[in-house]
N, C-alpha and C. Protein backbone atom coordinates (compact mmCIF):
# COMPACT_ATOMS: atom_id res chain seq x y z
N UNK A 1 -205.02 -52.31 -111.41
CA UNK A 1 -204.27 -51.50 -112.38
C UNK A 1 -202.96 -51.03 -111.78
N UNK A 2 -203.01 -50.57 -110.52
CA UNK A 2 -201.80 -50.12 -109.85
C UNK A 2 -200.78 -51.25 -109.74
N UNK A 3 -201.32 -52.46 -109.46
CA UNK A 3 -200.41 -53.61 -109.36
C UNK A 3 -199.74 -53.89 -110.67
N UNK A 4 -200.47 -53.73 -111.77
CA UNK A 4 -199.90 -53.98 -113.08
C UNK A 4 -198.81 -52.96 -113.40
N UNK A 5 -199.10 -51.67 -113.01
CA UNK A 5 -198.12 -50.62 -113.27
C UNK A 5 -196.84 -50.87 -112.48
N UNK A 6 -196.99 -51.27 -111.20
CA UNK A 6 -195.82 -51.57 -110.38
C UNK A 6 -195.03 -52.73 -110.96
N UNK A 7 -195.76 -53.71 -111.42
CA UNK A 7 -195.08 -54.88 -112.00
C UNK A 7 -194.31 -54.50 -113.25
N UNK A 8 -194.93 -53.67 -114.07
CA UNK A 8 -194.25 -53.23 -115.29
C UNK A 8 -193.01 -52.42 -114.95
N UNK A 9 -193.13 -51.53 -113.96
CA UNK A 9 -191.98 -50.71 -113.56
C UNK A 9 -190.86 -51.57 -113.01
N UNK A 10 -191.25 -52.59 -112.26
CA UNK A 10 -190.25 -53.49 -111.69
C UNK A 10 -189.50 -54.23 -112.79
N UNK A 11 -190.23 -54.65 -113.81
CA UNK A 11 -189.60 -55.35 -114.93
C UNK A 11 -188.62 -54.45 -115.67
N UNK A 12 -189.00 -53.18 -115.83
CA UNK A 12 -188.09 -52.24 -116.51
C UNK A 12 -186.82 -52.06 -115.71
N UNK A 13 -186.95 -51.93 -114.38
CA UNK A 13 -185.77 -51.74 -113.53
C UNK A 13 -184.89 -52.97 -113.54
N UNK A 14 -185.51 -54.16 -113.53
CA UNK A 14 -184.75 -55.41 -113.54
C UNK A 14 -183.97 -55.56 -114.84
N UNK A 15 -184.61 -55.19 -115.93
CA UNK A 15 -183.95 -55.30 -117.22
C UNK A 15 -182.75 -54.36 -117.30
N UNK A 16 -182.87 -53.21 -116.67
CA UNK A 16 -181.76 -52.24 -116.69
C UNK A 16 -180.55 -52.74 -115.95
N UNK A 17 -180.74 -53.63 -114.98
CA UNK A 17 -179.62 -54.16 -114.19
C UNK A 17 -178.92 -55.33 -114.87
N UNK A 18 -179.53 -55.91 -115.91
CA UNK A 18 -178.95 -57.08 -116.56
C UNK A 18 -177.80 -56.66 -117.47
N UNK A 19 -176.71 -57.49 -117.57
CA UNK A 19 -175.61 -57.14 -118.48
C UNK A 19 -176.07 -57.19 -119.91
N UNK A 20 -175.39 -56.42 -120.72
CA UNK A 20 -175.74 -56.36 -122.14
C UNK A 20 -175.44 -57.69 -122.81
N UNK A 21 -176.41 -58.19 -123.54
CA UNK A 21 -176.23 -59.47 -124.24
C UNK A 21 -175.54 -59.22 -125.56
N UNK A 22 -174.43 -60.01 -125.80
CA UNK A 22 -173.68 -59.87 -127.04
C UNK A 22 -173.87 -61.10 -127.90
N UNK A 23 -173.72 -60.94 -129.19
CA UNK A 23 -173.81 -62.11 -130.07
C UNK A 23 -172.81 -63.18 -129.65
N UNK A 24 -173.14 -64.44 -129.96
CA UNK A 24 -172.30 -65.56 -129.53
C UNK A 24 -170.87 -65.44 -130.04
N UNK A 25 -170.77 -64.95 -131.31
CA UNK A 25 -169.42 -64.87 -131.87
C UNK A 25 -168.57 -63.81 -131.19
N UNK A 26 -169.22 -62.77 -130.59
CA UNK A 26 -168.48 -61.73 -129.91
C UNK A 26 -168.12 -62.14 -128.49
N UNK A 27 -169.00 -62.92 -127.86
CA UNK A 27 -168.77 -63.29 -126.47
C UNK A 27 -167.78 -64.44 -126.32
N UNK A 28 -167.58 -65.20 -127.40
CA UNK A 28 -166.63 -66.32 -127.32
C UNK A 28 -165.22 -65.79 -127.13
N UNK A 29 -164.41 -66.48 -126.32
CA UNK A 29 -163.03 -66.06 -126.08
C UNK A 29 -162.22 -66.18 -127.37
N UNK A 30 -161.38 -65.19 -127.63
CA UNK A 30 -160.55 -65.18 -128.83
C UNK A 30 -159.26 -65.91 -128.52
N UNK A 31 -159.06 -67.05 -129.18
CA UNK A 31 -157.85 -67.83 -128.95
C UNK A 31 -156.69 -67.22 -129.71
N UNK A 32 -155.51 -67.12 -129.08
CA UNK A 32 -154.34 -66.59 -129.80
C UNK A 32 -153.91 -67.55 -130.90
N UNK A 33 -153.39 -66.98 -131.96
CA UNK A 33 -152.92 -67.80 -133.08
C UNK A 33 -151.58 -68.43 -132.74
N UNK A 34 -151.20 -69.53 -133.43
CA UNK A 34 -149.87 -70.12 -133.19
C UNK A 34 -148.75 -69.12 -133.39
N UNK A 35 -148.93 -68.21 -134.39
CA UNK A 35 -147.88 -67.21 -134.63
C UNK A 35 -147.73 -66.26 -133.45
N UNK A 36 -148.90 -65.88 -132.81
CA UNK A 36 -148.85 -65.00 -131.65
C UNK A 36 -148.20 -65.68 -130.45
N UNK A 37 -148.29 -67.01 -130.41
CA UNK A 37 -147.65 -67.76 -129.33
C UNK A 37 -146.19 -68.09 -129.64
N UNK A 38 -145.71 -67.63 -130.78
CA UNK A 38 -144.32 -67.92 -131.15
C UNK A 38 -144.14 -69.29 -131.75
N UNK A 39 -145.24 -69.90 -132.21
CA UNK A 39 -145.16 -71.22 -132.81
C UNK A 39 -145.29 -71.10 -134.32
N UNK A 40 -144.77 -72.11 -135.02
CA UNK A 40 -144.92 -72.13 -136.46
C UNK A 40 -146.30 -72.65 -136.83
N UNK A 41 -146.72 -72.32 -138.01
CA UNK A 41 -148.00 -72.79 -138.50
C UNK A 41 -147.95 -74.31 -138.63
N UNK A 42 -148.81 -75.05 -137.87
CA UNK A 42 -148.74 -76.52 -137.91
C UNK A 42 -149.08 -77.11 -139.26
N UNK A 43 -149.73 -76.32 -140.13
CA UNK A 43 -150.08 -76.83 -141.44
C UNK A 43 -148.91 -76.77 -142.42
N UNK A 44 -147.86 -76.08 -142.03
CA UNK A 44 -146.68 -75.96 -142.89
C UNK A 44 -145.62 -76.96 -142.45
N UNK A 45 -145.14 -77.76 -143.36
CA UNK A 45 -144.14 -78.79 -143.04
C UNK A 45 -142.85 -78.13 -142.56
N UNK A 46 -142.23 -78.73 -141.52
CA UNK A 46 -140.98 -78.19 -140.97
C UNK A 46 -139.83 -78.48 -141.91
N UNK A 47 -139.06 -77.45 -142.21
CA UNK A 47 -137.88 -77.60 -143.05
C UNK A 47 -136.67 -77.09 -142.27
N UNK A 48 -135.78 -78.00 -141.86
CA UNK A 48 -134.60 -77.56 -141.09
C UNK A 48 -133.69 -76.67 -141.92
N UNK A 49 -132.98 -75.81 -141.22
CA UNK A 49 -132.02 -74.94 -141.91
C UNK A 49 -130.90 -75.79 -142.50
N UNK A 50 -130.37 -75.40 -143.63
CA UNK A 50 -129.27 -76.18 -144.23
C UNK A 50 -128.03 -76.14 -143.36
N UNK A 51 -127.24 -77.19 -143.45
CA UNK A 51 -126.00 -77.28 -142.67
C UNK A 51 -124.81 -77.29 -143.61
N UNK A 52 -123.64 -77.05 -143.04
CA UNK A 52 -122.43 -77.01 -143.84
C UNK A 52 -121.92 -78.39 -144.24
N UNK A 53 -120.88 -78.44 -145.05
CA UNK A 53 -120.34 -79.72 -145.51
C UNK A 53 -119.48 -80.38 -144.43
N UNK A 54 -119.23 -81.68 -144.58
CA UNK A 54 -118.34 -82.37 -143.63
C UNK A 54 -116.93 -81.81 -143.70
N UNK A 55 -116.19 -81.98 -142.63
CA UNK A 55 -114.80 -81.52 -142.58
C UNK A 55 -113.95 -82.63 -141.99
N UNK A 56 -112.79 -82.85 -142.58
CA UNK A 56 -111.93 -83.96 -142.16
C UNK A 56 -110.66 -83.45 -141.50
N UNK A 57 -110.30 -84.12 -140.41
CA UNK A 57 -109.11 -83.77 -139.63
C UNK A 57 -108.24 -85.02 -139.45
N UNK A 58 -106.99 -84.77 -139.05
CA UNK A 58 -106.03 -85.85 -138.78
C UNK A 58 -105.61 -85.79 -137.31
N UNK A 59 -105.58 -86.95 -136.68
CA UNK A 59 -105.15 -87.01 -135.28
C UNK A 59 -103.78 -86.36 -135.14
N UNK A 60 -103.62 -85.48 -134.14
CA UNK A 60 -102.38 -84.72 -134.01
C UNK A 60 -101.74 -84.90 -132.63
N UNK A 61 -102.52 -84.77 -131.57
CA UNK A 61 -101.95 -84.90 -130.23
C UNK A 61 -101.70 -86.37 -129.90
N UNK A 62 -100.91 -86.61 -128.87
CA UNK A 62 -100.60 -87.99 -128.47
C UNK A 62 -101.87 -88.74 -128.06
N UNK A 63 -102.75 -88.05 -127.35
CA UNK A 63 -103.99 -88.72 -126.93
C UNK A 63 -104.86 -89.07 -128.13
N UNK A 64 -104.95 -88.16 -129.10
CA UNK A 64 -105.76 -88.43 -130.29
C UNK A 64 -105.18 -89.59 -131.09
N UNK A 65 -103.86 -89.62 -131.24
CA UNK A 65 -103.23 -90.71 -132.00
C UNK A 65 -103.34 -92.04 -131.27
N UNK A 66 -103.43 -92.00 -129.95
CA UNK A 66 -103.56 -93.23 -129.16
C UNK A 66 -104.98 -93.76 -129.16
N UNK A 67 -105.97 -92.86 -128.95
CA UNK A 67 -107.36 -93.29 -128.84
C UNK A 67 -108.04 -93.39 -130.20
N UNK A 68 -107.72 -92.46 -131.09
CA UNK A 68 -108.41 -92.40 -132.39
C UNK A 68 -107.40 -92.16 -133.51
N UNK A 69 -106.53 -93.12 -133.78
CA UNK A 69 -105.52 -92.92 -134.83
C UNK A 69 -106.19 -92.74 -136.19
N UNK A 70 -105.55 -91.92 -137.02
CA UNK A 70 -106.10 -91.70 -138.36
C UNK A 70 -106.94 -90.44 -138.43
N UNK A 71 -107.94 -90.50 -139.28
CA UNK A 71 -108.73 -89.31 -139.58
C UNK A 71 -110.03 -89.25 -138.77
N UNK A 72 -110.52 -88.01 -138.63
CA UNK A 72 -111.80 -87.72 -137.99
C UNK A 72 -112.60 -86.86 -138.97
N UNK A 73 -113.83 -87.29 -139.25
CA UNK A 73 -114.71 -86.50 -140.10
C UNK A 73 -115.89 -86.02 -139.27
N UNK A 74 -116.07 -84.70 -139.23
CA UNK A 74 -117.20 -84.11 -138.51
C UNK A 74 -118.23 -83.65 -139.53
N UNK A 75 -119.42 -84.23 -139.45
CA UNK A 75 -120.49 -83.91 -140.39
C UNK A 75 -121.63 -83.21 -139.65
N UNK A 76 -121.87 -81.93 -139.94
CA UNK A 76 -123.00 -81.25 -139.30
C UNK A 76 -124.32 -81.94 -139.65
N UNK A 77 -125.23 -82.01 -138.70
CA UNK A 77 -126.54 -82.62 -138.93
C UNK A 77 -127.63 -81.58 -138.67
N UNK A 78 -128.72 -81.62 -139.44
CA UNK A 78 -129.77 -80.60 -139.30
C UNK A 78 -130.62 -80.81 -138.06
N UNK A 79 -131.43 -79.83 -137.76
CA UNK A 79 -132.38 -79.92 -136.65
C UNK A 79 -133.34 -81.10 -136.89
N UNK A 80 -133.67 -81.80 -135.81
CA UNK A 80 -134.63 -82.89 -135.92
C UNK A 80 -136.05 -82.41 -135.65
N UNK A 81 -136.19 -81.17 -135.18
CA UNK A 81 -137.50 -80.61 -134.89
C UNK A 81 -137.42 -79.11 -134.75
N UNK A 82 -138.59 -78.46 -134.66
CA UNK A 82 -138.65 -77.00 -134.61
C UNK A 82 -137.85 -76.44 -133.45
N UNK A 83 -137.95 -77.06 -132.28
CA UNK A 83 -137.31 -76.54 -131.08
C UNK A 83 -135.98 -77.21 -130.76
N UNK A 84 -135.44 -77.97 -131.70
CA UNK A 84 -134.17 -78.66 -131.48
C UNK A 84 -133.04 -77.96 -132.24
N UNK A 85 -131.87 -77.85 -131.61
CA UNK A 85 -130.73 -77.26 -132.31
C UNK A 85 -130.12 -78.29 -133.27
N UNK A 86 -129.27 -77.86 -134.17
CA UNK A 86 -128.57 -78.81 -135.04
C UNK A 86 -127.54 -79.59 -134.24
N UNK A 87 -126.85 -80.48 -134.89
CA UNK A 87 -125.85 -81.30 -134.21
C UNK A 87 -124.71 -81.64 -135.14
N UNK A 88 -124.03 -82.73 -134.83
CA UNK A 88 -122.91 -83.17 -135.66
C UNK A 88 -122.61 -84.63 -135.36
N UNK A 89 -122.10 -85.32 -136.38
CA UNK A 89 -121.63 -86.69 -136.22
C UNK A 89 -120.11 -86.67 -136.25
N UNK A 90 -119.51 -87.26 -135.23
CA UNK A 90 -118.05 -87.39 -135.16
C UNK A 90 -117.69 -88.82 -135.54
N UNK A 91 -117.13 -89.00 -136.73
CA UNK A 91 -116.81 -90.34 -137.23
C UNK A 91 -115.30 -90.49 -137.36
N UNK A 92 -114.73 -91.41 -136.56
CA UNK A 92 -113.29 -91.63 -136.56
C UNK A 92 -112.94 -92.80 -137.47
N UNK A 93 -111.74 -92.75 -138.00
CA UNK A 93 -111.31 -93.77 -138.96
C UNK A 93 -111.28 -95.18 -138.38
N UNK A 94 -111.09 -95.30 -137.08
CA UNK A 94 -111.03 -96.63 -136.46
C UNK A 94 -112.42 -97.18 -136.11
N UNK A 95 -113.49 -96.51 -136.57
CA UNK A 95 -114.83 -97.04 -136.39
C UNK A 95 -115.63 -96.42 -135.26
N UNK A 96 -114.99 -95.63 -134.39
CA UNK A 96 -115.72 -94.96 -133.32
C UNK A 96 -116.58 -93.86 -133.94
N UNK A 97 -117.81 -93.76 -133.46
CA UNK A 97 -118.76 -92.79 -134.02
C UNK A 97 -119.65 -92.25 -132.90
N UNK A 98 -119.82 -90.93 -132.90
CA UNK A 98 -120.68 -90.28 -131.90
C UNK A 98 -121.70 -89.40 -132.62
N UNK A 99 -122.98 -89.57 -132.23
CA UNK A 99 -124.04 -88.67 -132.72
C UNK A 99 -124.30 -87.65 -131.61
N UNK A 100 -124.28 -86.39 -131.96
CA UNK A 100 -124.40 -85.33 -130.94
C UNK A 100 -125.41 -84.27 -131.34
N UNK A 101 -125.83 -83.49 -130.33
CA UNK A 101 -126.70 -82.34 -130.54
C UNK A 101 -126.03 -81.13 -129.89
N UNK A 102 -126.02 -80.03 -130.59
CA UNK A 102 -125.35 -78.83 -130.09
C UNK A 102 -126.08 -78.22 -128.89
N UNK A 103 -125.30 -77.62 -127.99
CA UNK A 103 -125.84 -76.89 -126.84
C UNK A 103 -125.41 -75.43 -127.00
N UNK A 104 -126.23 -74.61 -127.67
CA UNK A 104 -125.84 -73.22 -127.90
C UNK A 104 -125.56 -72.47 -126.60
N UNK A 105 -124.39 -71.83 -126.54
CA UNK A 105 -124.03 -71.06 -125.35
C UNK A 105 -123.64 -71.89 -124.15
N UNK A 106 -123.51 -73.20 -124.33
CA UNK A 106 -123.23 -74.09 -123.21
C UNK A 106 -121.91 -73.81 -122.50
N UNK A 107 -120.91 -73.36 -123.25
CA UNK A 107 -119.59 -73.12 -122.65
C UNK A 107 -119.61 -72.00 -121.62
N UNK A 108 -120.58 -71.10 -121.73
CA UNK A 108 -120.66 -69.98 -120.80
C UNK A 108 -121.62 -70.22 -119.65
N UNK A 109 -122.20 -71.41 -119.57
CA UNK A 109 -123.14 -71.70 -118.49
C UNK A 109 -122.41 -71.95 -117.18
N UNK A 110 -123.12 -71.72 -116.09
CA UNK A 110 -122.55 -71.98 -114.77
C UNK A 110 -122.08 -70.72 -114.08
N UNK A 111 -122.03 -70.79 -112.78
CA UNK A 111 -121.55 -69.67 -111.98
C UNK A 111 -120.68 -70.23 -110.85
N UNK A 112 -119.36 -70.17 -110.99
CA UNK A 112 -118.64 -69.49 -112.07
C UNK A 112 -118.61 -70.34 -113.35
N UNK A 113 -118.24 -69.69 -114.45
CA UNK A 113 -118.08 -70.38 -115.73
C UNK A 113 -116.89 -71.32 -115.64
N UNK A 114 -117.01 -72.46 -116.29
CA UNK A 114 -115.93 -73.46 -116.27
C UNK A 114 -114.60 -72.84 -116.69
N UNK A 115 -113.52 -73.28 -116.06
CA UNK A 115 -112.18 -72.74 -116.35
C UNK A 115 -111.62 -73.41 -117.60
N UNK A 116 -111.92 -72.82 -118.76
CA UNK A 116 -111.48 -73.42 -120.02
C UNK A 116 -109.98 -73.28 -120.26
N UNK A 117 -109.33 -72.34 -119.59
CA UNK A 117 -107.88 -72.18 -119.78
C UNK A 117 -107.12 -73.43 -119.36
N UNK A 118 -107.64 -74.13 -118.37
CA UNK A 118 -106.96 -75.34 -117.91
C UNK A 118 -107.16 -76.50 -118.87
N UNK A 119 -108.15 -76.38 -119.76
CA UNK A 119 -108.46 -77.46 -120.70
C UNK A 119 -107.86 -77.18 -122.07
N UNK A 120 -107.92 -75.92 -122.49
CA UNK A 120 -107.43 -75.54 -123.81
C UNK A 120 -106.28 -74.53 -123.68
N UNK A 121 -105.13 -74.96 -123.23
CA UNK A 121 -104.01 -74.03 -123.09
C UNK A 121 -103.54 -73.52 -124.45
N UNK A 122 -103.16 -72.26 -124.51
CA UNK A 122 -102.63 -71.70 -125.75
C UNK A 122 -101.67 -70.58 -125.41
N UNK A 123 -100.99 -70.10 -126.43
CA UNK A 123 -99.92 -69.12 -126.21
C UNK A 123 -100.43 -67.82 -125.59
N UNK A 124 -101.65 -67.41 -125.91
CA UNK A 124 -102.16 -66.14 -125.40
C UNK A 124 -102.59 -66.24 -123.94
N UNK A 125 -102.83 -67.46 -123.46
CA UNK A 125 -103.24 -67.65 -122.08
C UNK A 125 -104.72 -67.41 -121.84
N UNK A 126 -105.45 -67.12 -122.90
CA UNK A 126 -106.89 -66.89 -122.78
C UNK A 126 -107.64 -67.80 -123.74
N UNK A 127 -108.91 -68.04 -123.43
CA UNK A 127 -109.77 -68.85 -124.29
C UNK A 127 -111.04 -68.06 -124.57
N UNK A 128 -111.38 -67.94 -125.84
CA UNK A 128 -112.62 -67.27 -126.22
C UNK A 128 -113.77 -68.23 -125.95
N UNK A 129 -114.48 -68.00 -124.84
CA UNK A 129 -115.56 -68.90 -124.44
C UNK A 129 -116.62 -69.00 -125.53
N UNK A 130 -116.84 -67.88 -126.24
CA UNK A 130 -117.84 -67.88 -127.30
C UNK A 130 -117.50 -68.78 -128.46
N UNK A 131 -116.20 -69.14 -128.59
CA UNK A 131 -115.78 -70.00 -129.70
C UNK A 131 -115.86 -71.48 -129.35
N UNK A 132 -116.05 -71.80 -128.06
CA UNK A 132 -116.12 -73.20 -127.64
C UNK A 132 -117.51 -73.74 -127.97
N UNK A 133 -117.55 -74.79 -128.79
CA UNK A 133 -118.81 -75.40 -129.20
C UNK A 133 -119.10 -76.61 -128.31
N UNK A 134 -120.34 -76.66 -127.79
CA UNK A 134 -120.71 -77.74 -126.88
C UNK A 134 -121.71 -78.68 -127.56
N UNK A 135 -121.50 -79.99 -127.35
CA UNK A 135 -122.38 -81.00 -127.94
C UNK A 135 -122.69 -82.08 -126.90
N UNK A 136 -123.97 -82.41 -126.73
CA UNK A 136 -124.31 -83.56 -125.89
C UNK A 136 -124.25 -84.82 -126.74
N UNK A 137 -123.76 -85.89 -126.17
CA UNK A 137 -123.63 -87.16 -126.89
C UNK A 137 -124.95 -87.92 -126.77
N UNK A 138 -125.62 -88.11 -127.90
CA UNK A 138 -126.92 -88.78 -127.92
C UNK A 138 -126.81 -90.25 -128.33
N UNK A 139 -125.72 -90.62 -128.97
CA UNK A 139 -125.54 -92.00 -129.39
C UNK A 139 -124.08 -92.26 -129.70
N UNK A 140 -123.64 -93.50 -129.52
CA UNK A 140 -122.24 -93.82 -129.79
C UNK A 140 -122.11 -95.23 -130.34
N UNK A 141 -121.09 -95.41 -131.16
CA UNK A 141 -120.71 -96.72 -131.69
C UNK A 141 -119.23 -96.89 -131.43
N UNK A 142 -118.88 -97.88 -130.63
CA UNK A 142 -117.47 -98.12 -130.30
C UNK A 142 -117.17 -99.58 -130.61
N UNK A 143 -116.40 -99.85 -131.67
CA UNK A 143 -116.07 -101.24 -132.02
C UNK A 143 -115.27 -101.90 -130.89
N UNK A 144 -115.40 -103.22 -130.73
CA UNK A 144 -114.65 -103.93 -129.69
C UNK A 144 -113.14 -103.78 -129.85
N UNK A 145 -112.71 -103.54 -131.09
CA UNK A 145 -111.26 -103.43 -131.35
C UNK A 145 -110.73 -102.01 -131.13
N UNK A 146 -111.61 -101.06 -130.81
CA UNK A 146 -111.16 -99.68 -130.65
C UNK A 146 -110.24 -99.57 -129.43
N UNK A 147 -109.09 -98.92 -129.58
CA UNK A 147 -108.16 -98.77 -128.46
C UNK A 147 -108.76 -97.91 -127.36
N UNK A 148 -108.62 -98.36 -126.13
CA UNK A 148 -109.05 -97.60 -124.94
C UNK A 148 -110.57 -97.40 -124.84
N UNK A 149 -111.34 -98.03 -125.70
CA UNK A 149 -112.80 -97.97 -125.58
C UNK A 149 -113.43 -96.63 -125.87
N UNK A 150 -112.84 -95.83 -126.73
CA UNK A 150 -113.41 -94.54 -127.09
C UNK A 150 -112.84 -93.38 -126.28
N UNK A 151 -113.38 -92.21 -126.49
CA UNK A 151 -112.86 -91.01 -125.83
C UNK A 151 -113.18 -90.98 -124.34
N UNK A 152 -114.25 -91.66 -123.94
CA UNK A 152 -114.70 -91.63 -122.56
C UNK A 152 -115.52 -92.89 -122.30
N UNK A 153 -115.45 -93.41 -121.09
CA UNK A 153 -116.21 -94.62 -120.80
C UNK A 153 -117.71 -94.38 -120.99
N UNK A 154 -118.20 -93.27 -120.47
CA UNK A 154 -119.60 -92.88 -120.66
C UNK A 154 -119.63 -91.40 -121.01
N UNK A 155 -119.41 -91.09 -122.29
CA UNK A 155 -119.35 -89.67 -122.67
C UNK A 155 -120.69 -88.99 -122.52
N UNK A 156 -120.67 -87.78 -121.99
CA UNK A 156 -121.89 -87.01 -121.82
C UNK A 156 -121.90 -85.77 -122.72
N UNK A 157 -120.78 -85.08 -122.75
CA UNK A 157 -120.72 -83.84 -123.52
C UNK A 157 -119.32 -83.62 -124.08
N UNK A 158 -119.26 -83.07 -125.29
CA UNK A 158 -117.99 -82.70 -125.93
C UNK A 158 -117.91 -81.18 -125.98
N UNK A 159 -116.74 -80.66 -125.66
CA UNK A 159 -116.44 -79.25 -125.88
C UNK A 159 -115.40 -79.19 -126.99
N UNK A 160 -115.73 -78.50 -128.06
CA UNK A 160 -114.86 -78.44 -129.24
C UNK A 160 -114.35 -77.01 -129.38
N UNK A 161 -113.01 -76.87 -129.39
CA UNK A 161 -112.41 -75.55 -129.46
C UNK A 161 -111.59 -75.41 -130.75
N UNK A 162 -112.11 -74.68 -131.75
CA UNK A 162 -111.33 -74.44 -132.97
C UNK A 162 -110.32 -73.33 -132.74
N UNK A 163 -109.10 -73.53 -133.21
CA UNK A 163 -108.08 -72.49 -133.08
C UNK A 163 -107.00 -72.75 -134.14
N UNK A 164 -105.99 -71.91 -134.16
CA UNK A 164 -104.89 -72.08 -135.10
C UNK A 164 -103.57 -72.10 -134.34
N UNK A 165 -102.64 -72.86 -134.87
CA UNK A 165 -101.28 -72.87 -134.32
C UNK A 165 -100.31 -73.08 -135.48
N UNK A 166 -99.10 -73.53 -135.19
CA UNK A 166 -98.10 -73.71 -136.24
C UNK A 166 -98.53 -74.75 -137.28
N UNK A 167 -99.47 -75.64 -136.89
CA UNK A 167 -99.96 -76.65 -137.81
C UNK A 167 -101.09 -76.12 -138.71
N UNK A 168 -101.55 -74.91 -138.42
CA UNK A 168 -102.68 -74.36 -139.18
C UNK A 168 -103.96 -74.48 -138.37
N UNK A 169 -105.06 -74.84 -139.04
CA UNK A 169 -106.35 -74.96 -138.37
C UNK A 169 -106.41 -76.23 -137.55
N UNK A 170 -106.77 -76.08 -136.27
CA UNK A 170 -106.77 -77.21 -135.33
C UNK A 170 -108.07 -77.16 -134.52
N UNK A 171 -108.57 -78.34 -134.15
CA UNK A 171 -109.65 -78.40 -133.17
C UNK A 171 -109.18 -79.28 -132.01
N UNK A 172 -109.57 -78.91 -130.82
CA UNK A 172 -109.32 -79.74 -129.64
C UNK A 172 -110.66 -80.12 -129.04
N UNK A 173 -110.84 -81.41 -128.83
CA UNK A 173 -112.08 -81.92 -128.24
C UNK A 173 -111.80 -82.30 -126.79
N UNK A 174 -112.58 -81.73 -125.89
CA UNK A 174 -112.53 -82.12 -124.48
C UNK A 174 -113.76 -82.99 -124.21
N UNK A 175 -113.55 -84.22 -123.79
CA UNK A 175 -114.66 -85.15 -123.53
C UNK A 175 -114.94 -85.20 -122.04
N UNK A 176 -116.21 -85.04 -121.69
CA UNK A 176 -116.63 -85.05 -120.28
C UNK A 176 -117.64 -86.17 -120.04
N UNK A 177 -117.59 -86.74 -118.86
CA UNK A 177 -118.60 -87.69 -118.42
C UNK A 177 -119.50 -86.98 -117.40
N UNK A 178 -120.55 -87.66 -116.96
CA UNK A 178 -121.45 -87.06 -115.97
C UNK A 178 -122.87 -87.03 -116.48
N UNK A 179 -123.71 -86.23 -115.84
CA UNK A 179 -125.11 -86.12 -116.25
C UNK A 179 -125.65 -84.69 -116.18
N UNK A 180 -124.76 -83.73 -116.19
CA UNK A 180 -125.20 -82.34 -116.17
C UNK A 180 -124.05 -81.41 -116.48
N UNK A 181 -124.39 -80.17 -116.80
CA UNK A 181 -123.36 -79.16 -117.09
C UNK A 181 -123.73 -77.84 -116.41
N UNK A 182 -122.75 -77.17 -115.78
CA UNK A 182 -121.36 -77.61 -115.61
C UNK A 182 -121.25 -78.79 -114.64
N UNK A 183 -120.17 -79.56 -114.75
CA UNK A 183 -120.04 -80.75 -113.90
C UNK A 183 -119.87 -80.38 -112.43
N UNK A 184 -120.36 -81.25 -111.56
CA UNK A 184 -120.23 -81.01 -110.12
C UNK A 184 -118.76 -81.11 -109.69
N UNK A 185 -118.05 -82.05 -110.30
CA UNK A 185 -116.63 -82.22 -109.99
C UNK A 185 -115.82 -82.16 -111.28
N UNK A 186 -115.38 -80.97 -111.67
CA UNK A 186 -114.67 -80.81 -112.94
C UNK A 186 -113.43 -81.70 -113.08
N UNK A 187 -112.74 -81.94 -111.99
CA UNK A 187 -111.49 -82.70 -112.06
C UNK A 187 -111.72 -84.14 -112.48
N UNK A 188 -112.80 -84.74 -112.03
CA UNK A 188 -113.07 -86.14 -112.37
C UNK A 188 -113.97 -86.26 -113.60
N UNK A 189 -114.68 -85.18 -113.98
CA UNK A 189 -115.59 -85.25 -115.12
C UNK A 189 -114.84 -85.23 -116.45
N UNK A 190 -113.68 -84.59 -116.49
CA UNK A 190 -112.92 -84.50 -117.73
C UNK A 190 -112.22 -85.82 -118.02
N UNK A 191 -112.57 -86.44 -119.14
CA UNK A 191 -111.93 -87.71 -119.53
C UNK A 191 -110.60 -87.47 -120.22
N UNK A 192 -110.50 -86.42 -121.02
CA UNK A 192 -109.26 -86.14 -121.73
C UNK A 192 -109.48 -85.12 -122.83
N UNK A 193 -108.39 -84.64 -123.41
CA UNK A 193 -108.45 -83.72 -124.54
C UNK A 193 -107.74 -84.35 -125.73
N UNK A 194 -108.27 -84.07 -126.92
CA UNK A 194 -107.78 -84.72 -128.14
C UNK A 194 -107.73 -83.68 -129.25
N UNK A 195 -106.56 -83.50 -129.86
CA UNK A 195 -106.39 -82.45 -130.87
C UNK A 195 -106.21 -83.05 -132.26
N UNK A 196 -106.78 -82.36 -133.25
CA UNK A 196 -106.76 -82.80 -134.64
C UNK A 196 -106.50 -81.61 -135.55
N UNK A 197 -105.67 -81.81 -136.56
CA UNK A 197 -105.39 -80.73 -137.53
C UNK A 197 -106.19 -81.00 -138.80
N UNK A 198 -106.64 -79.91 -139.42
CA UNK A 198 -107.50 -80.05 -140.60
C UNK A 198 -106.69 -80.64 -141.76
N UNK A 199 -107.35 -81.49 -142.54
CA UNK A 199 -106.72 -82.08 -143.72
C UNK A 199 -106.91 -81.12 -144.88
N UNK A 200 -105.81 -80.64 -145.43
CA UNK A 200 -105.89 -79.64 -146.50
C UNK A 200 -105.97 -80.32 -147.87
């Protein structure tokens, strides 16, 4: 009898040391929702934000008239995916065409920041870095008859600076080669600058 009592007491003590058993649904780990992870609901089809209309410009600077005579039409393109920025197609009248993707804030990257004053000279002597739009070149079409073979032998990134002068609204495109930004050697990475005035 004493042995039975000791055994029973031992069982009670052992049970007291065991962790509390919870229902399976409570003990299962709670997975965060896609919204909590900052993701969109995968069951909802992705709809890119609308983009603006195309805009047409006329070659204005000597380099633009030499490399890309005639008109340039820039057509904004929508995001190709949730985590992708929008882009733009640069279509020149002589058949040269570049498909690009925007690099938000790219002009201000680097330490130190690239010296845009040397690329986009203007009367004020300053360049609003926030106004410089950066685009990586994802695809290009250069006809065999195109003068000088396009803006750059192997274009990597375009810096587009909208501004105004005596001609009205103007954009200047700086074409860079290389494989990263900012370039390791700015002097050799810059292929050239090309200015265009808006067609009214």
